[in-house]
Amino acid sequence: QVQLVESGGGLVQAGGSLRLSCVGSGAIFYIMGWYRQAPGKQRELVATINRDGITNYSDSSKGRFTISRDNAKNTVYLQMNSLKPGDTAVYYCNSVSMTGFQAWGRGTQVTVSS
């Protein structure tokens, strides 16, 4: 059974930083990444990283956020710097296994105050 568990969310002032972590189990993950969903909006891509370390960022996260992973630990990280109130959302960990199975974590709340 594939399971993703996020941690690291919280409340931070604008301009501050947070680091999210997501630990996966139950599969070998090809792609791991982060998506976010703000109230009243659709879930959107933040960043992804494949097993070889190739990354993909949304325009809104490029330059401020950094995604990384530790394959040995089945863990993906999201370092978020220069946070803005517009970054407030529930952040979800996502994975695609080597067999193509997609999974989602339960999400972690990030709130950025102005």
PDB file of N, CA and C in Angstrom:
ATOM      1  N   GLN A   1       0.849  -1.194   0.000  1.00  0.00           N
ATOM      2  CA  GLN A   1       0.000   0.000   0.000  1.00  0.00           C
ATOM      3  C   GLN A   1       0.887   1.246   0.000  1.00  0.00           C
ATOM      4  N   VAL A   2       0.675   2.115  -0.976  1.00  0.00           N
ATOM      5  CA  VAL A   2       1.460   3.337  -1.072  1.00  0.00           C
ATOM      6  C   VAL A   2       0.945   4.366  -0.072  1.00  0.00           C
ATOM      7  N   GLN A   3       1.859   4.981   0.630  1.00  0.00           N
ATOM      8  CA  GLN A   3       1.491   5.996   1.606  1.00  0.00           C
ATOM      9  C   GLN A   3       2.478   7.160   1.522  1.00  0.00           C
ATOM     10  N   LEU A   4       1.944   8.377   1.563  1.00  0.00           N
ATOM     11  CA  LEU A   4       2.747   9.590   1.578  1.00  0.00           C
ATOM     12  C   LEU A   4       2.349  10.403   2.798  1.00  0.00           C
ATOM     13  N   VAL A   5       3.340  10.825   3.577  1.00  0.00           N
ATOM     14  CA  VAL A   5       3.064  11.579   4.790  1.00  0.00           C
ATOM     15  C   VAL A   5       3.854  12.882   4.754  1.00  0.00           C
ATOM     16  N   GLU A   6       3.100  13.994   4.747  1.00  0.00           N
ATOM     17  CA  GLU A   6       3.732  15.318   4.693  1.00  0.00           C
ATOM     18  C   GLU A   6       3.946  15.869   6.098  1.00  0.00           C
ATOM     19  N   SER A   7       4.913  16.764   6.205  1.00  0.00           N
ATOM     20  CA  SER A   7       5.141  17.503   7.439  1.00  0.00           C
ATOM     21  C   SER A   7       5.832  18.816   7.102  1.00  0.00           C
ATOM     22  N   GLY A   8       5.807  19.738   8.057  1.00  0.00           N
ATOM     23  CA  GLY A   8       6.560  20.976   7.892  1.00  0.00           C
ATOM     24  C   GLY A   8       5.742  22.216   7.613  1.00  0.00           C
ATOM     25  N   GLY A   9       4.440  22.059   7.457  1.00  0.00           N
ATOM     26  CA  GLY A   9       3.620  23.240   7.218  1.00  0.00           C
ATOM     27  C   GLY A   9       3.485  24.077   8.478  1.00  0.00           C
ATOM     28  N   GLY A  10       2.861  25.245   8.326  1.00  0.00           N
ATOM     29  CA  GLY A  10       2.659  26.103   9.486  1.00  0.00           C
ATOM     30  C   GLY A  10       2.348  27.522   9.078  1.00  0.00           C
ATOM     31  N   LEU A  11       2.454  28.400  10.055  1.00  0.00           N
ATOM     32  CA  LEU A  11       2.181  29.824   9.864  1.00  0.00           C
ATOM     33  C   LEU A  11       3.501  30.582   9.832  1.00  0.00           C
ATOM     34  N   VAL A  12       3.664  31.433   8.826  1.00  0.00           N
ATOM     35  CA  VAL A  12       4.897  32.195   8.694  1.00  0.00           C
ATOM     36  C   VAL A  12       4.555  33.582   8.164  1.00  0.00           C
ATOM     37  N   GLN A  13       5.356  34.549   8.496  1.00  0.00           N
ATOM     38  CA  GLN A  13       5.157  35.902   7.991  1.00  0.00           C
ATOM     39  C   GLN A  13       5.683  36.015   6.559  1.00  0.00           C
ATOM     40  N   ALA A  14       5.122  36.945   5.827  1.00  0.00           N
ATOM     41  CA  ALA A  14       5.590  37.196   4.468  1.00  0.00           C
ATOM     42  C   ALA A  14       7.093  37.466   4.477  1.00  0.00           C
ATOM     43  N   GLY A  15       7.779  36.872   3.511  1.00  0.00           N
ATOM     44  CA  GLY A  15       9.227  36.994   3.449  1.00  0.00           C
ATOM     45  C   GLY A  15       9.962  35.869   4.152  1.00  0.00           C
ATOM     46  N   GLY A  16       9.229  35.082   4.919  1.00  0.00           N
ATOM     47  CA  GLY A  16       9.835  33.999   5.670  1.00  0.00           C
ATOM     48  C   GLY A  16      10.014  32.733   4.846  1.00  0.00           C
ATOM     49  N   SER A  17      10.458  31.681   5.516  1.00  0.00           N
ATOM     50  CA  SER A  17      10.758  30.414   4.857  1.00  0.00           C
ATOM     51  C   SER A  17      10.124  29.252   5.602  1.00  0.00           C
ATOM     52  N   LEU A  18       9.844  28.206   4.865  1.00  0.00           N
ATOM     53  CA  LEU A  18       9.383  26.933   5.426  1.00  0.00           C
ATOM     54  C   LEU A  18       9.986  25.815   4.600  1.00  0.00           C
ATOM     55  N   ARG A  19      10.151  24.655   5.239  1.00  0.00           N
ATOM     56  CA  ARG A  19      10.618  23.469   4.530  1.00  0.00           C
ATOM     57  C   ARG A  19       9.620  22.348   4.736  1.00  0.00           C
ATOM     58  N   LEU A  20       9.058  21.886   3.667  1.00  0.00           N
ATOM     59  CA  LEU A  20       8.134  20.766   3.718  1.00  0.00           C
ATOM     60  C   LEU A  20       8.882  19.467   3.428  1.00  0.00           C
ATOM     61  N   SER A  21       8.413  18.397   4.074  1.00  0.00           N
ATOM     62  CA  SER A  21       8.968  17.069   3.829  1.00  0.00           C
ATOM     63  C   SER A  21       7.828  16.108   3.542  1.00  0.00           C
ATOM     64  N   CYS A  22       8.120  15.104   2.734  1.00  0.00           N
ATOM     65  CA  CYS A  22       7.133  14.062   2.447  1.00  0.00           C
ATOM     66  C   CYS A  22       7.864  12.729   2.392  1.00  0.00           C
ATOM     67  N   VAL A  23       7.459  11.824   3.253  1.00  0.00           N
ATOM     68  CA  VAL A  23       8.051  10.490   3.286  1.00  0.00           C
ATOM     69  C   VAL A  23       7.096   9.509   2.630  1.00  0.00           C
ATOM     70  N   GLY A  24       7.599   8.780   1.666  1.00  0.00           N
ATOM     71  CA  GLY A  24       6.785   7.791   0.969  1.00  0.00           C
ATOM     72  C   GLY A  24       7.152   6.380   1.378  1.00  0.00           C
ATOM     73  N   SER A  25       6.178   5.480   1.232  1.00  0.00           N
ATOM     74  CA  SER A  25       6.411   4.070   1.510  1.00  0.00           C
ATOM     75  C   SER A  25       5.515   3.236   0.614  1.00  0.00           C
ATOM     76  N   GLY A  26       5.913   1.990   0.416  1.00  0.00           N
ATOM     77  CA  GLY A  26       5.082   1.058  -0.323  1.00  0.00           C
ATOM     78  C   GLY A  26       5.361   0.961  -1.798  1.00  0.00           C
ATOM     79  N   ALA A  27       6.353   1.694  -2.299  1.00  0.00           N
ATOM     80  CA  ALA A  27       6.663   1.652  -3.728  1.00  0.00           C
ATOM     81  C   ALA A  27       8.027   2.284  -3.975  1.00  0.00           C
ATOM     82  N   ILE A  28       8.524   2.066  -5.181  1.00  0.00           N
ATOM     83  CA  ILE A  28       9.704   2.810  -5.655  1.00  0.00           C
ATOM     84  C   ILE A  28       9.152   3.944  -6.513  1.00  0.00           C
ATOM     85  N   PHE A  29       9.478   5.155  -6.140  1.00  0.00           N
ATOM     86  CA  PHE A  29       8.862   6.312  -6.762  1.00  0.00           C
ATOM     87  C   PHE A  29       9.713   6.873  -7.877  1.00  0.00           C
ATOM     88  N   TYR A  30       9.075   7.009  -9.054  1.00  0.00           N
ATOM     89  CA  TYR A  30       9.773   7.612 -10.187  1.00  0.00           C
ATOM     90  C   TYR A  30       9.733   9.138 -10.085  1.00  0.00           C
ATOM     91  N   ILE A  31       8.560   9.673  -9.917  1.00  0.00           N
ATOM     92  CA  ILE A  31       8.386  11.111  -9.766  1.00  0.00           C
ATOM     93  C   ILE A  31       7.788  11.390  -8.392  1.00  0.00           C
ATOM     94  N   MET A  32       8.320  12.391  -7.735  1.00  0.00           N
ATOM     95  CA  MET A  32       7.728  12.898  -6.502  1.00  0.00           C
ATOM     96  C   MET A  32       7.595  14.406  -6.650  1.00  0.00           C
ATOM     97  N   GLY A  33       6.578  14.955  -6.040  1.00  0.00           N
ATOM     98  CA  GLY A  33       6.392  16.385  -6.212  1.00  0.00           C
ATOM     99  C   GLY A  33       5.419  16.987  -5.246  1.00  0.00           C
ATOM    100  N   TRP A  34       5.179  18.261  -5.439  1.00  0.00           N
ATOM    101  CA  TRP A  34       4.288  19.030  -4.584  1.00  0.00           C
ATOM    102  C   TRP A  34       3.273  19.789  -5.443  1.00  0.00           C
ATOM    103  N   TYR A  35       2.053  19.764  -4.982  1.00  0.00           N
ATOM    104  CA  TYR A  35       0.966  20.548  -5.545  1.00  0.00           C
ATOM    105  C   TYR A  35       0.353  21.341  -4.400  1.00  0.00           C
ATOM    106  N   ARG A  36      -0.426  22.350  -4.741  1.00  0.00           N
ATOM    107  CA  ARG A  36      -1.088  23.122  -3.693  1.00  0.00           C
ATOM    108  C   ARG A  36      -2.498  23.516  -4.129  1.00  0.00           C
ATOM    109  N   GLN A  37      -3.340  23.734  -3.145  1.00  0.00           N
ATOM    110  CA  GLN A  37      -4.711  24.143  -3.423  1.00  0.00           C
ATOM    111  C   GLN A  37      -5.130  25.198  -2.425  1.00  0.00           C
ATOM    112  N   ALA A  38      -5.409  26.381  -2.945  1.00  0.00           N
ATOM    113  CA  ALA A  38      -5.902  27.479  -2.121  1.00  0.00           C
ATOM    114  C   ALA A  38      -7.426  27.429  -2.083  1.00  0.00           C
ATOM    115  N   PRO A  39      -8.022  28.031  -1.081  1.00  0.00           N
ATOM    116  CA  PRO A  39      -9.494  28.017  -0.975  1.00  0.00           C
ATOM    117  C   PRO A  39     -10.157  28.568  -2.243  1.00  0.00           C
ATOM    118  N   GLY A  40     -11.106  27.828  -2.786  1.00  0.00           N
ATOM    119  CA  GLY A  40     -11.828  28.272  -3.968  1.00  0.00           C
ATOM    120  C   GLY A  40     -11.075  28.135  -5.269  1.00  0.00           C
ATOM    121  N   LYS A  41      -9.893  27.535  -5.231  1.00  0.00           N
ATOM    122  CA  LYS A  41      -9.093  27.390  -6.448  1.00  0.00           C
ATOM    123  C   LYS A  41      -8.800  25.927  -6.726  1.00  0.00           C
ATOM    124  N   GLN A  42      -8.395  25.652  -7.966  1.00  0.00           N
ATOM    125  CA  GLN A  42      -8.032  24.296  -8.338  1.00  0.00           C
ATOM    126  C   GLN A  42      -6.640  23.958  -7.812  1.00  0.00           C
ATOM    127  N   ARG A  43      -6.412  22.672  -7.646  1.00  0.00           N
ATOM    128  CA  ARG A  43      -5.086  22.226  -7.259  1.00  0.00           C
ATOM    129  C   ARG A  43      -4.118  22.516  -8.404  1.00  0.00           C
ATOM    130  N   GLU A  44      -2.928  23.014  -8.044  1.00  0.00           N
ATOM    131  CA  GLU A  44      -1.964  23.383  -9.067  1.00  0.00           C
ATOM    132  C   GLU A  44      -0.584  22.844  -8.737  1.00  0.00           C
ATOM    133  N   LEU A  45       0.197  22.675  -9.788  1.00  0.00           N
ATOM    134  CA  LEU A  45       1.564  22.194  -9.651  1.00  0.00           C
ATOM    135  C   LEU A  45       2.423  23.237  -8.944  1.00  0.00           C
ATOM    136  N   VAL A  46       3.284  22.756  -8.046  1.00  0.00           N
ATOM    137  CA  VAL A  46       4.316  23.607  -7.468  1.00  0.00           C
ATOM    138  C   VAL A  46       5.669  23.200  -8.064  1.00  0.00           C
ATOM    139  N   ALA A  47       6.030  21.931  -7.890  1.00  0.00           N
ATOM    140  CA  ALA A  47       7.296  21.437  -8.417  1.00  0.00           C
ATOM    141  C   ALA A  47       7.306  19.921  -8.388  1.00  0.00           C
ATOM    142  N   THR A  48       8.045  19.323  -9.309  1.00  0.00           N
ATOM    143  CA  THR A  48       8.254  17.888  -9.312  1.00  0.00           C
ATOM    144  C   THR A  48       9.727  17.585  -9.527  1.00  0.00           C
ATOM    145  N   ILE A  49      10.115  16.378  -9.152  1.00  0.00           N
ATOM    146  CA  ILE A  49      11.486  15.924  -9.350  1.00  0.00           C
ATOM    147  C   ILE A  49      11.453  14.439  -9.641  1.00  0.00           C
ATOM    148  N   ASN A  50      12.205  13.999 -10.643  1.00  0.00           N
ATOM    149  CA  ASN A  50      12.215  12.568 -10.919  1.00  0.00           C
ATOM    150  C   ASN A  50      13.386  11.899 -10.226  1.00  0.00           C
ATOM    151  N   ARG A  51      13.476  10.622 -10.414  1.00  0.00           N
ATOM    152  CA  ARG A  51      14.464   9.839  -9.669  1.00  0.00           C
ATOM    153  C   ARG A  51      15.892  10.237 -10.037  1.00  0.00           C
ATOM    154  N   ASP A  52      16.064  10.798 -11.227  1.00  0.00           N
ATOM    155  CA  ASP A  52      17.394  11.230 -11.666  1.00  0.00           C
ATOM    156  C   ASP A  52      17.716  12.656 -11.247  1.00  0.00           C
ATOM    157  N   GLY A  53      16.773  13.303 -10.547  1.00  0.00           N
ATOM    158  CA  GLY A  53      17.011  14.657 -10.064  1.00  0.00           C
ATOM    159  C   GLY A  53      16.588  15.758 -11.016  1.00  0.00           C
ATOM    160  N   ILE A  54      15.919  15.399 -12.095  1.00  0.00           N
ATOM    161  CA  ILE A  54      15.440  16.415 -13.032  1.00  0.00           C
ATOM    162  C   ILE A  54      14.191  17.074 -12.453  1.00  0.00           C
ATOM    163  N   THR A  55      14.202  18.382 -12.419  1.00  0.00           N
ATOM    164  CA  THR A  55      13.140  19.132 -11.745  1.00  0.00           C
ATOM    165  C   THR A  55      12.257  19.902 -12.725  1.00  0.00           C
ATOM    166  N   ASN A  56      11.059  20.206 -12.254  1.00  0.00           N
ATOM    167  CA  ASN A  56      10.118  21.008 -13.015  1.00  0.00           C
ATOM    168  C   ASN A  56       9.396  21.923 -12.032  1.00  0.00           C
ATOM    169  N   TYR A  57       9.358  23.213 -12.330  1.00  0.00           N
ATOM    170  CA  TYR A  57       8.752  24.189 -11.427  1.00  0.00           C
ATOM    171  C   TYR A  57       7.645  24.955 -12.137  1.00  0.00           C
ATOM    172  N   SER A  58       6.653  25.357 -11.367  1.00  0.00           N
ATOM    173  CA  SER A  58       5.663  26.280 -11.895  1.00  0.00           C
ATOM    174  C   SER A  58       6.305  27.666 -11.974  1.00  0.00           C
ATOM    175  N   ASP A  59       5.721  28.541 -12.764  1.00  0.00           N
ATOM    176  CA  ASP A  59       6.260  29.893 -12.861  1.00  0.00           C
ATOM    177  C   ASP A  59       6.222  30.610 -11.511  1.00  0.00           C
ATOM    178  N   SER A  60       5.208  30.338 -10.709  1.00  0.00           N
ATOM    179  CA  SER A  60       5.060  31.038  -9.434  1.00  0.00           C
ATOM    180  C   SER A  60       6.078  30.587  -8.389  1.00  0.00           C
ATOM    181  N   SER A  61       6.598  29.389  -8.538  1.00  0.00           N
ATOM    182  CA  SER A  61       7.542  28.872  -7.541  1.00  0.00           C
ATOM    183  C   SER A  61       9.001  28.997  -7.992  1.00  0.00           C
ATOM    184  N   LYS A  62       9.211  29.157  -9.278  1.00  0.00           N
ATOM    185  CA  LYS A  62      10.569  29.221  -9.811  1.00  0.00           C
ATOM    186  C   LYS A  62      11.330  30.394  -9.199  1.00  0.00           C
ATOM    187  N   GLY A  63      12.532  30.109  -8.716  1.00  0.00           N
ATOM    188  CA  GLY A  63      13.363  31.156  -8.135  1.00  0.00           C
ATOM    189  C   GLY A  63      13.191  31.357  -6.640  1.00  0.00           C
ATOM    190  N   ARG A  64      12.069  30.878  -6.104  1.00  0.00           N
ATOM    191  CA  ARG A  64      11.838  31.023  -4.659  1.00  0.00           C
ATOM    192  C   ARG A  64      11.803  29.669  -3.945  1.00  0.00           C
ATOM    193  N   PHE A  65      11.334  28.649  -4.639  1.00  0.00           N
ATOM    194  CA  PHE A  65      11.213  27.323  -4.039  1.00  0.00           C
ATOM    195  C   PHE A  65      12.254  26.391  -4.648  1.00  0.00           C
ATOM    196  N   THR A  66      12.711  25.437  -3.839  1.00  0.00           N
ATOM    197  CA  THR A  66      13.643  24.421  -4.320  1.00  0.00           C
ATOM    198  C   THR A  66      13.159  23.055  -3.896  1.00  0.00           C
ATOM    199  N   ILE A  67      13.014  22.166  -4.872  1.00  0.00           N
ATOM    200  CA  ILE A  67      12.611  20.794  -4.586  1.00  0.00           C
ATOM    201  C   ILE A  67      13.837  19.902  -4.624  1.00  0.00           C
ATOM    202  N   SER A  68      13.873  18.941  -3.718  1.00  0.00           N
ATOM    203  CA  SER A  68      14.970  17.978  -3.684  1.00  0.00           C
ATOM    204  C   SER A  68      14.430  16.656  -3.165  1.00  0.00           C
ATOM    205  N   ARG A  69      15.214  15.604  -3.318  1.00  0.00           N
ATOM    206  CA  ARG A  69      14.756  14.309  -2.822  1.00  0.00           C
ATOM    207  C   ARG A  69      15.938  13.461  -2.380  1.00  0.00           C
ATOM    208  N   ASP A  70      15.624  12.522  -1.524  1.00  0.00           N
ATOM    209  CA  ASP A  70      16.584  11.524  -1.057  1.00  0.00           C
ATOM    210  C   ASP A  70      15.989  10.168  -1.418  1.00  0.00           C
ATOM    211  N   ASN A  71      16.488   9.560  -2.476  1.00  0.00           N
ATOM    212  CA  ASN A  71      15.919   8.296  -2.944  1.00  0.00           C
ATOM    213  C   ASN A  71      16.051   7.181  -1.902  1.00  0.00           C
ATOM    214  N   ALA A  72      17.151   7.187  -1.178  1.00  0.00           N
ATOM    215  CA  ALA A  72      17.367   6.142  -0.173  1.00  0.00           C
ATOM    216  C   ALA A  72      16.312   6.214   0.933  1.00  0.00           C
ATOM    217  N   LYS A  73      15.829   7.422   1.194  1.00  0.00           N
ATOM    218  CA  LYS A  73      14.832   7.616   2.249  1.00  0.00           C
ATOM    219  C   LYS A  73      13.420   7.758   1.699  1.00  0.00           C
ATOM    220  N   ASN A  74      13.261   7.671   0.369  1.00  0.00           N
ATOM    221  CA  ASN A  74      11.935   7.862  -0.254  1.00  0.00           C
ATOM    222  C   ASN A  74      11.299   9.171   0.201  1.00  0.00           C
ATOM    223  N   THR A  75      12.102  10.203   0.280  1.00  0.00           N
ATOM    224  CA  THR A  75      11.654  11.483   0.818  1.00  0.00           C
ATOM    225  C   THR A  75      11.879  12.595  -0.188  1.00  0.00           C
ATOM    226  N   VAL A  76      10.891  13.471  -0.280  1.00  0.00           N
ATOM    227  CA  VAL A  76      11.008  14.656  -1.109  1.00  0.00           C
ATOM    228  C   VAL A  76      10.829  15.876  -0.225  1.00  0.00           C
ATOM    229  N   TYR A  77      11.588  16.929  -0.529  1.00  0.00           N
ATOM    230  CA  TYR A  77      11.576  18.146   0.265  1.00  0.00           C
ATOM    231  C   TYR A  77      11.171  19.325  -0.624  1.00  0.00           C
ATOM    232  N   LEU A  78      10.595  20.331   0.007  1.00  0.00           N
ATOM    233  CA  LEU A  78      10.324  21.579  -0.687  1.00  0.00           C
ATOM    234  C   LEU A  78      10.775  22.721   0.218  1.00  0.00           C
ATOM    235  N   GLN A  79      11.849  23.370  -0.155  1.00  0.00           N
ATOM    236  CA  GLN A  79      12.331  24.547   0.561  1.00  0.00           C
ATOM    237  C   GLN A  79      11.662  25.763  -0.050  1.00  0.00           C
ATOM    238  N   MET A  80      10.922  26.484   0.762  1.00  0.00           N
ATOM    239  CA  MET A  80      10.176  27.640   0.279  1.00  0.00           C
ATOM    240  C   MET A  80      10.726  28.901   0.935  1.00  0.00           C
ATOM    241  N   ASN A  81      11.235  29.802   0.127  1.00  0.00           N
ATOM    242  CA  ASN A  81      11.798  31.061   0.601  1.00  0.00           C
ATOM    243  C   ASN A  81      10.991  32.228   0.055  1.00  0.00           C
ATOM    244  N   SER A  82      11.164  33.380   0.674  1.00  0.00           N
ATOM    245  CA  SER A  82      10.478  34.604   0.225  1.00  0.00           C
ATOM    246  C   SER A  82       8.981  34.363   0.056  1.00  0.00           C
ATOM    247  N   LEU A  83       8.396  33.753   1.058  1.00  0.00           N
ATOM    248  CA  LEU A  83       6.973  33.394   0.977  1.00  0.00           C
ATOM    249  C   LEU A  83       6.093  34.632   0.920  1.00  0.00           C
ATOM    250  N   LYS A  84       4.990  34.495   0.182  1.00  0.00           N
ATOM    251  CA  LYS A  84       4.035  35.577  -0.002  1.00  0.00           C
ATOM    252  C   LYS A  84       2.661  35.112   0.482  1.00  0.00           C
ATOM    253  N   PRO A  85       1.783  36.054   0.833  1.00  0.00           N
ATOM    254  CA  PRO A  85       0.426  35.638   1.224  1.00  0.00           C
ATOM    255  C   PRO A  85      -0.259  34.784   0.151  1.00  0.00           C
ATOM    256  N   GLY A  86       0.060  35.021  -1.102  1.00  0.00           N
ATOM    257  CA  GLY A  86      -0.513  34.235  -2.195  1.00  0.00           C
ATOM    258  C   GLY A  86      -0.058  32.784  -2.212  1.00  0.00           C
ATOM    259  N   ASP A  87       0.950  32.449  -1.409  1.00  0.00           N
ATOM    260  CA  ASP A  87       1.398  31.061  -1.312  1.00  0.00           C
ATOM    261  C   ASP A  87       0.565  30.270  -0.310  1.00  0.00           C
ATOM    262  N   THR A  88      -0.326  30.947   0.391  1.00  0.00           N
ATOM    263  CA  THR A  88      -1.182  30.271   1.362  1.00  0.00           C
ATOM    264  C   THR A  88      -2.046  29.223   0.678  1.00  0.00           C
ATOM    265  N   ALA A  89      -1.949  27.997   1.155  1.00  0.00           N
ATOM    266  CA  ALA A  89      -2.670  26.883   0.530  1.00  0.00           C
ATOM    267  C   ALA A  89      -2.412  25.612   1.336  1.00  0.00           C
ATOM    268  N   VAL A  90      -3.161  24.576   0.999  1.00  0.00           N
ATOM    269  CA  VAL A  90      -2.813  23.238   1.468  1.00  0.00           C
ATOM    270  C   VAL A  90      -1.859  22.643   0.440  1.00  0.00           C
ATOM    271  N   TYR A  91      -0.726  22.180   0.893  1.00  0.00           N
ATOM    272  CA  TYR A  91       0.303  21.617   0.019  1.00  0.00           C
ATOM    273  C   TYR A  91       0.228  20.096   0.093  1.00  0.00           C
ATOM    274  N   TYR A  92       0.119  19.483  -1.074  1.00  0.00           N
ATOM    275  CA  TYR A  92      -0.030  18.040  -1.165  1.00  0.00           C
ATOM    276  C   TYR A  92       1.200  17.409  -1.814  1.00  0.00           C
ATOM    277  N   CYS A  93       1.652  16.342  -1.224  1.00  0.00           N
ATOM    278  CA  CYS A  93       2.712  15.534  -1.815  1.00  0.00           C
ATOM    279  C   CYS A  93       2.088  14.594  -2.841  1.00  0.00           C
ATOM    280  N   ASN A  94       2.778  14.410  -3.942  1.00  0.00           N
ATOM    281  CA  ASN A  94       2.306  13.537  -5.013  1.00  0.00           C
ATOM    282  C   ASN A  94       3.427  12.625  -5.440  1.00  0.00           C
ATOM    283  N   SER A  95       3.079  11.416  -5.831  1.00  0.00           N
ATOM    284  CA  SER A  95       4.096  10.503  -6.328  1.00  0.00           C
ATOM    285  C   SER A  95       3.555   9.677  -7.486  1.00  0.00           C
ATOM    286  N   VAL A  96       4.459   9.281  -8.354  1.00  0.00           N
ATOM    287  CA  VAL A  96       4.160   8.333  -9.419  1.00  0.00           C
ATOM    288  C   VAL A  96       5.194   7.228  -9.312  1.00  0.00           C
ATOM    289  N   SER A  97       4.709   6.003  -9.125  1.00  0.00           N
ATOM    290  CA  SER A  97       5.640   4.900  -8.926  1.00  0.00           C
ATOM    291  C   SER A  97       6.228   4.447 -10.257  1.00  0.00           C
ATOM    292  N   MET A  98       7.195   3.567 -10.182  1.00  0.00           N
ATOM    293  CA  MET A  98       7.839   3.026 -11.387  1.00  0.00           C
ATOM    294  C   MET A  98       6.834   2.243 -12.235  1.00  0.00           C
ATOM    295  N   THR A  99       5.747   1.798 -11.642  1.00  0.00           N
ATOM    296  CA  THR A  99       4.706   1.076 -12.383  1.00  0.00           C
ATOM    297  C   THR A  99       3.571   1.994 -12.820  1.00  0.00           C
ATOM    298  N   GLY A 100       3.709   3.302 -12.568  1.00  0.00           N
ATOM    299  CA  GLY A 100       2.718   4.263 -13.033  1.00  0.00           C
ATOM    300  C   GLY A 100       1.596   4.576 -12.071  1.00  0.00           C
ATOM    301  N   PHE A 101       1.661   4.029 -10.884  1.00  0.00           N
ATOM    302  CA  PHE A 101       0.600   4.278  -9.902  1.00  0.00           C
ATOM    303  C   PHE A 101       0.814   5.643  -9.276  1.00  0.00           C
ATOM    304  N   GLN A 102      -0.262   6.454  -9.224  1.00  0.00           N
ATOM    305  CA  GLN A 102      -0.187   7.788  -8.651  1.00  0.00           C
ATOM    306  C   GLN A 102      -0.820   7.808  -7.271  1.00  0.00           C
ATOM    307  N   ALA A 103      -0.188   8.530  -6.355  1.00  0.00           N
ATOM    308  CA  ALA A 103      -0.710   8.638  -4.991  1.00  0.00           C
ATOM    309  C   ALA A 103      -0.597  10.072  -4.500  1.00  0.00           C
ATOM    310  N   TRP A 104      -1.445  10.385  -3.521  1.00  0.00           N
ATOM    311  CA  TRP A 104      -1.462  11.704  -2.907  1.00  0.00           C
ATOM    312  C   TRP A 104      -1.359  11.573  -1.396  1.00  0.00           C
ATOM    313  N   GLY A 105      -0.686  12.547  -0.785  1.00  0.00           N
ATOM    314  CA  GLY A 105      -0.719  12.653   0.652  1.00  0.00           C
ATOM    315  C   GLY A 105      -1.974  13.381   1.097  1.00  0.00           C
ATOM    316  N   ARG A 106      -2.133  13.530   2.401  1.00  0.00           N
ATOM    317  CA  ARG A 106      -3.337  14.180   2.938  1.00  0.00           C
ATOM    318  C   ARG A 106      -3.219  15.695   2.948  1.00  0.00           C
ATOM    319  N   GLY A 107      -2.015  16.208   2.795  1.00  0.00           N
ATOM    320  CA  GLY A 107      -1.819  17.645   2.727  1.00  0.00           C
ATOM    321  C   GLY A 107      -1.339  18.254   4.028  1.00  0.00           C
ATOM    322  N   THR A 108      -0.664  19.376   3.893  1.00  0.00           N
ATOM    323  CA  THR A 108      -0.206  20.145   5.050  1.00  0.00           C
ATOM    324  C   THR A 108      -0.477  21.622   4.775  1.00  0.00           C
ATOM    325  N   GLN A 109      -1.023  22.304   5.766  1.00  0.00           N
ATOM    326  CA  GLN A 109      -1.433  23.697   5.591  1.00  0.00           C
ATOM    327  C   GLN A 109      -0.237  24.634   5.707  1.00  0.00           C
ATOM    328  N   VAL A 110      -0.123  25.530   4.751  1.00  0.00           N
ATOM    329  CA  VAL A 110       0.861  26.612   4.796  1.00  0.00           C
ATOM    330  C   VAL A 110       0.093  27.925   4.767  1.00  0.00           C
ATOM    331  N   THR A 111       0.313  28.751   5.779  1.00  0.00           N
ATOM    332  CA  THR A 111      -0.355  30.045   5.858  1.00  0.00           C
ATOM    333  C   THR A 111       0.705  31.133   5.967  1.00  0.00           C
ATOM    334  N   VAL A 112       0.637  32.088   5.064  1.00  0.00           N
ATOM    335  CA  VAL A 112       1.589  33.195   5.049  1.00  0.00           C
ATOM    336  C   VAL A 112       0.843  34.481   5.376  1.00  0.00           C
ATOM    337  N   SER A 113       1.210  35.097   6.473  1.00  0.00           N
ATOM    338  CA  SER A 113       0.546  36.330   6.897  1.00  0.00           C
ATOM    339  C   SER A 113       1.275  37.549   6.348  1.00  0.00           C
ATOM    340  N   SER A 114       0.506  38.605   6.121  1.00  0.00           N
ATOM    341  CA  SER A 114       1.106  39.830   5.558  1.00  0.00           C
ATOM    342  C   SER A 114       1.573  40.779   6.643  1.00  0.00           C
TER     343      SER A 114
END
